N, C-alpha and C. Protein backbone atom coordinates (compact mmCIF):
# COMPACT_ATOMS: atom_id res chain seq x y z
N MET A 1 -1.87 10.62 -8.14
CA MET A 1 -1.81 9.29 -7.56
C MET A 1 -2.92 8.43 -8.15
N ASN A 2 -2.56 7.20 -8.47
CA ASN A 2 -3.58 6.31 -8.98
C ASN A 2 -4.31 5.63 -7.82
N LYS A 3 -5.34 4.88 -8.14
CA LYS A 3 -6.19 4.31 -7.10
C LYS A 3 -5.46 3.29 -6.25
N TYR A 4 -4.46 2.61 -6.80
CA TYR A 4 -3.74 1.62 -6.02
C TYR A 4 -2.86 2.27 -4.95
N VAL A 5 -2.24 3.38 -5.30
CA VAL A 5 -1.42 4.09 -4.33
C VAL A 5 -2.30 4.66 -3.22
N GLN A 6 -3.45 5.21 -3.59
CA GLN A 6 -4.36 5.75 -2.59
C GLN A 6 -4.86 4.67 -1.64
N ARG A 7 -5.28 3.54 -2.22
CA ARG A 7 -5.76 2.43 -1.38
C ARG A 7 -4.65 1.87 -0.51
N GLY A 8 -3.44 1.83 -1.05
CA GLY A 8 -2.31 1.33 -0.28
C GLY A 8 -1.98 2.22 0.90
N ILE A 9 -1.99 3.51 0.68
CA ILE A 9 -1.71 4.45 1.77
C ILE A 9 -2.80 4.36 2.82
N LEU A 10 -4.05 4.24 2.39
CA LEU A 10 -5.15 4.09 3.33
C LEU A 10 -5.00 2.79 4.13
N GLY A 11 -4.69 1.70 3.46
CA GLY A 11 -4.52 0.42 4.15
C GLY A 11 -3.36 0.44 5.13
N ALA A 12 -2.25 1.03 4.72
CA ALA A 12 -1.09 1.13 5.62
C ALA A 12 -1.42 1.99 6.84
N SER A 13 -2.17 3.06 6.62
CA SER A 13 -2.56 3.93 7.74
C SER A 13 -3.47 3.21 8.72
N ILE A 14 -4.43 2.47 8.19
CA ILE A 14 -5.33 1.71 9.05
C ILE A 14 -4.55 0.63 9.81
N GLY A 15 -3.58 0.00 9.13
CA GLY A 15 -2.75 -1.00 9.79
C GLY A 15 -1.95 -0.43 10.93
N VAL A 16 -1.37 0.74 10.73
CA VAL A 16 -0.60 1.40 11.79
C VAL A 16 -1.52 1.75 12.96
N ALA A 17 -2.72 2.25 12.64
CA ALA A 17 -3.67 2.59 13.70
C ALA A 17 -4.07 1.35 14.51
N LEU A 18 -4.28 0.23 13.82
CA LEU A 18 -4.63 -1.00 14.53
C LEU A 18 -3.47 -1.49 15.40
N CYS A 19 -2.25 -1.33 14.93
CA CYS A 19 -1.10 -1.73 15.73
C CYS A 19 -0.96 -0.85 16.98
N ILE A 20 -1.19 0.43 16.81
CA ILE A 20 -1.15 1.33 17.97
C ILE A 20 -2.25 0.97 18.96
N LEU A 21 -3.44 0.66 18.45
CA LEU A 21 -4.53 0.22 19.31
C LEU A 21 -4.17 -1.07 20.03
N GLY A 22 -3.53 -2.00 19.31
CA GLY A 22 -3.11 -3.25 19.92
C GLY A 22 -2.11 -3.04 21.04
N LEU A 23 -1.17 -2.11 20.84
CA LEU A 23 -0.21 -1.81 21.90
C LEU A 23 -0.89 -1.18 23.11
N PHE A 24 -1.87 -0.33 22.84
CA PHE A 24 -2.64 0.25 23.95
C PHE A 24 -3.39 -0.83 24.72
N LEU A 25 -4.01 -1.75 24.00
CA LEU A 25 -4.74 -2.84 24.65
C LEU A 25 -3.79 -3.77 25.42
N MET A 26 -2.58 -3.92 24.92
CA MET A 26 -1.60 -4.76 25.61
C MET A 26 -1.22 -4.14 26.95
N LYS A 27 -1.09 -2.82 26.98
CA LYS A 27 -0.78 -2.15 28.25
C LYS A 27 -1.93 -2.27 29.24
N GLN A 28 -3.16 -2.41 28.73
CA GLN A 28 -4.33 -2.56 29.59
C GLN A 28 -4.56 -4.01 30.01
N ASP A 29 -3.69 -4.92 29.56
CA ASP A 29 -3.77 -6.36 29.86
C ASP A 29 -5.08 -6.99 29.38
N LEU A 30 -5.52 -6.57 28.21
CA LEU A 30 -6.69 -7.19 27.60
C LEU A 30 -6.22 -8.25 26.60
N PRO A 31 -6.83 -9.42 26.62
CA PRO A 31 -6.33 -10.51 25.76
C PRO A 31 -6.60 -10.31 24.27
N ILE A 32 -7.45 -9.38 23.90
CA ILE A 32 -7.76 -9.17 22.48
C ILE A 32 -6.64 -8.46 21.74
N TYR A 33 -5.63 -7.99 22.47
CA TYR A 33 -4.54 -7.25 21.81
C TYR A 33 -3.81 -8.10 20.79
N LYS A 34 -3.73 -9.41 21.01
CA LYS A 34 -3.03 -10.29 20.08
C LYS A 34 -3.70 -10.27 18.71
N TRP A 35 -5.01 -10.34 18.69
CA TRP A 35 -5.74 -10.31 17.42
C TRP A 35 -5.64 -8.95 16.76
N THR A 36 -5.69 -7.91 17.57
CA THR A 36 -5.61 -6.56 17.02
C THR A 36 -4.24 -6.32 16.37
N LEU A 37 -3.18 -6.75 17.05
CA LEU A 37 -1.85 -6.60 16.47
C LEU A 37 -1.68 -7.43 15.21
N THR A 38 -2.21 -8.65 15.23
CA THR A 38 -2.10 -9.52 14.06
C THR A 38 -2.81 -8.92 12.85
N VAL A 39 -4.04 -8.47 13.06
CA VAL A 39 -4.80 -7.86 11.97
C VAL A 39 -4.12 -6.57 11.51
N GLY A 40 -3.58 -5.80 12.43
CA GLY A 40 -2.89 -4.56 12.07
C GLY A 40 -1.68 -4.81 11.20
N VAL A 41 -0.90 -5.83 11.54
CA VAL A 41 0.29 -6.14 10.74
C VAL A 41 -0.11 -6.63 9.35
N ILE A 42 -1.13 -7.45 9.27
CA ILE A 42 -1.58 -7.96 7.97
C ILE A 42 -2.12 -6.83 7.11
N VAL A 43 -2.95 -5.97 7.68
CA VAL A 43 -3.51 -4.85 6.93
C VAL A 43 -2.41 -3.90 6.48
N PHE A 44 -1.44 -3.65 7.35
CA PHE A 44 -0.32 -2.79 6.97
C PHE A 44 0.46 -3.42 5.82
N GLY A 45 0.72 -4.71 5.90
CA GLY A 45 1.46 -5.39 4.84
C GLY A 45 0.75 -5.33 3.50
N VAL A 46 -0.55 -5.56 3.52
CA VAL A 46 -1.32 -5.49 2.27
C VAL A 46 -1.32 -4.06 1.73
N GLY A 47 -1.46 -3.10 2.60
CA GLY A 47 -1.42 -1.70 2.17
C GLY A 47 -0.08 -1.32 1.59
N PHE A 48 0.99 -1.78 2.21
CA PHE A 48 2.34 -1.49 1.72
C PHE A 48 2.56 -2.12 0.35
N LEU A 49 2.16 -3.38 0.21
CA LEU A 49 2.32 -4.05 -1.08
C LEU A 49 1.46 -3.40 -2.17
N THR A 50 0.27 -2.96 -1.80
CA THR A 50 -0.59 -2.29 -2.77
C THR A 50 0.03 -0.96 -3.22
N THR A 51 0.64 -0.25 -2.28
CA THR A 51 1.33 0.99 -2.63
C THR A 51 2.48 0.73 -3.59
N LEU A 52 3.27 -0.29 -3.30
CA LEU A 52 4.37 -0.64 -4.20
C LEU A 52 3.86 -1.03 -5.57
N TYR A 53 2.79 -1.81 -5.62
CA TYR A 53 2.20 -2.22 -6.89
C TYR A 53 1.76 -1.00 -7.69
N GLY A 54 1.12 -0.06 -7.02
CA GLY A 54 0.67 1.15 -7.70
C GLY A 54 1.83 1.96 -8.26
N LEU A 55 2.92 2.06 -7.50
CA LEU A 55 4.08 2.81 -7.97
C LEU A 55 4.74 2.11 -9.15
N ILE A 56 4.87 0.79 -9.08
CA ILE A 56 5.46 0.04 -10.19
C ILE A 56 4.59 0.16 -11.43
N ARG A 57 3.29 0.09 -11.23
CA ARG A 57 2.37 0.21 -12.36
C ARG A 57 2.48 1.57 -13.01
N LYS A 58 2.63 2.60 -12.19
CA LYS A 58 2.76 3.96 -12.71
C LYS A 58 4.04 4.11 -13.53
N ILE A 59 5.14 3.58 -13.03
CA ILE A 59 6.41 3.66 -13.75
C ILE A 59 6.33 2.86 -15.05
N GLU A 60 5.72 1.69 -14.99
CA GLU A 60 5.59 0.85 -16.19
C GLU A 60 4.73 1.55 -17.24
N ARG A 61 3.68 2.21 -16.83
CA ARG A 61 2.82 2.92 -17.77
C ARG A 61 3.58 4.03 -18.47
N ARG A 62 4.38 4.76 -17.70
CA ARG A 62 5.17 5.84 -18.31
C ARG A 62 6.14 5.29 -19.34
N SER A 63 6.79 4.19 -19.02
CA SER A 63 7.76 3.63 -19.98
C SER A 63 7.06 3.12 -21.24
N ILE A 64 5.88 2.56 -21.10
CA ILE A 64 5.13 2.10 -22.27
C ILE A 64 4.73 3.28 -23.14
N LEU A 65 4.27 4.36 -22.52
CA LEU A 65 3.89 5.55 -23.29
C LEU A 65 5.09 6.17 -23.99
N GLU A 66 6.24 6.21 -23.32
CA GLU A 66 7.44 6.73 -23.96
C GLU A 66 7.87 5.86 -25.13
N ASP A 67 7.77 4.56 -24.97
CA ASP A 67 8.13 3.63 -26.04
C ASP A 67 7.22 3.83 -27.26
N ARG A 68 5.95 3.98 -27.02
CA ARG A 68 5.00 4.21 -28.13
C ARG A 68 5.31 5.52 -28.84
N LYS A 69 5.65 6.53 -28.04
CA LYS A 69 5.95 7.84 -28.62
C LYS A 69 7.20 7.77 -29.50
N GLU A 70 8.21 7.06 -29.06
CA GLU A 70 9.43 6.88 -29.84
C GLU A 70 9.16 6.12 -31.13
N ARG A 71 8.37 5.06 -31.06
CA ARG A 71 8.03 4.29 -32.25
C ARG A 71 7.26 5.13 -33.25
N GLN A 72 6.34 5.96 -32.75
CA GLN A 72 5.56 6.80 -33.64
C GLN A 72 6.43 7.84 -34.33
N GLN A 73 7.40 8.38 -33.61
CA GLN A 73 8.32 9.36 -34.20
C GLN A 73 9.21 8.71 -35.24
N GLN A 74 9.59 7.47 -35.03
CA GLN A 74 10.44 6.77 -36.00
C GLN A 74 9.69 6.49 -37.29
N HIS A 75 8.41 6.19 -37.19
CA HIS A 75 7.61 5.88 -38.37
C HIS A 75 7.23 7.13 -39.16
N ASP A 76 7.26 8.29 -38.54
CA ASP A 76 6.89 9.53 -39.23
C ASP A 76 8.03 10.13 -39.98
């Protein structure tokens, strides 16, 4: 796994944890739950997008390396 996938998974996990905390606070009738849920959703979204970016980057890198390998074989 590259660093973007790792950071994305970490961010998504933290976002889920914040959302669960927000739901717990909502059951306790504490007004801070709105901010906790909002931050949790944003952090989860950023983590999810970072994970997708890392996966796309990994696939793109593989295709570039394969293309270079094919070009090198054609020239030899």
